[in-house]
Amino acid sequence: MTDGERAALADEIRRRYGSAHRFCKATGLPRGTVYQVLSGRYAGDMTRQANRIRSALQRRVASVPTVEGIMQILRKHACARCMVRNSSLCATCLPVFTAQAKEIIDLLPMHTEGGCHGDTD
């Protein structure tokens, strides 16, 4: 595997996942192996491992939820149980739903909205 191929693989991982760490969390591939392959220091069958990484990149990734999407789900369920729904008070809860949705997004391993925050572990 050439330096250019490794660089392209690393770029694709960063583009789609933000970091190799997030890629490993999302795909279940061993983090040490991925980092060793990307740095060119893997002692085993480099081609086999690179193919595993490429295969993981080609798998369809579920769409990442957005703050707006999560907020709408929270609102739908809360409003269905609300005693004052369809009144002028409905807009009062929107900041709560937005705050809750943002906190949920921050818990996701592949947080993409607002940019990547780097590895946390």
Foldseek 3Di string as FASTA:
>chain_A
DDLVLLVVLQVLCCVQQVHLVLLCVQQVDDSVQNVCLSVVNDPPDSVVSVVVSVVSSPDDDPDQDDLVRQLVVVLVVVLVVDPQPPDPCSVVCSVVSSVVSVVVLVPDSRRCVPHDDDDDD
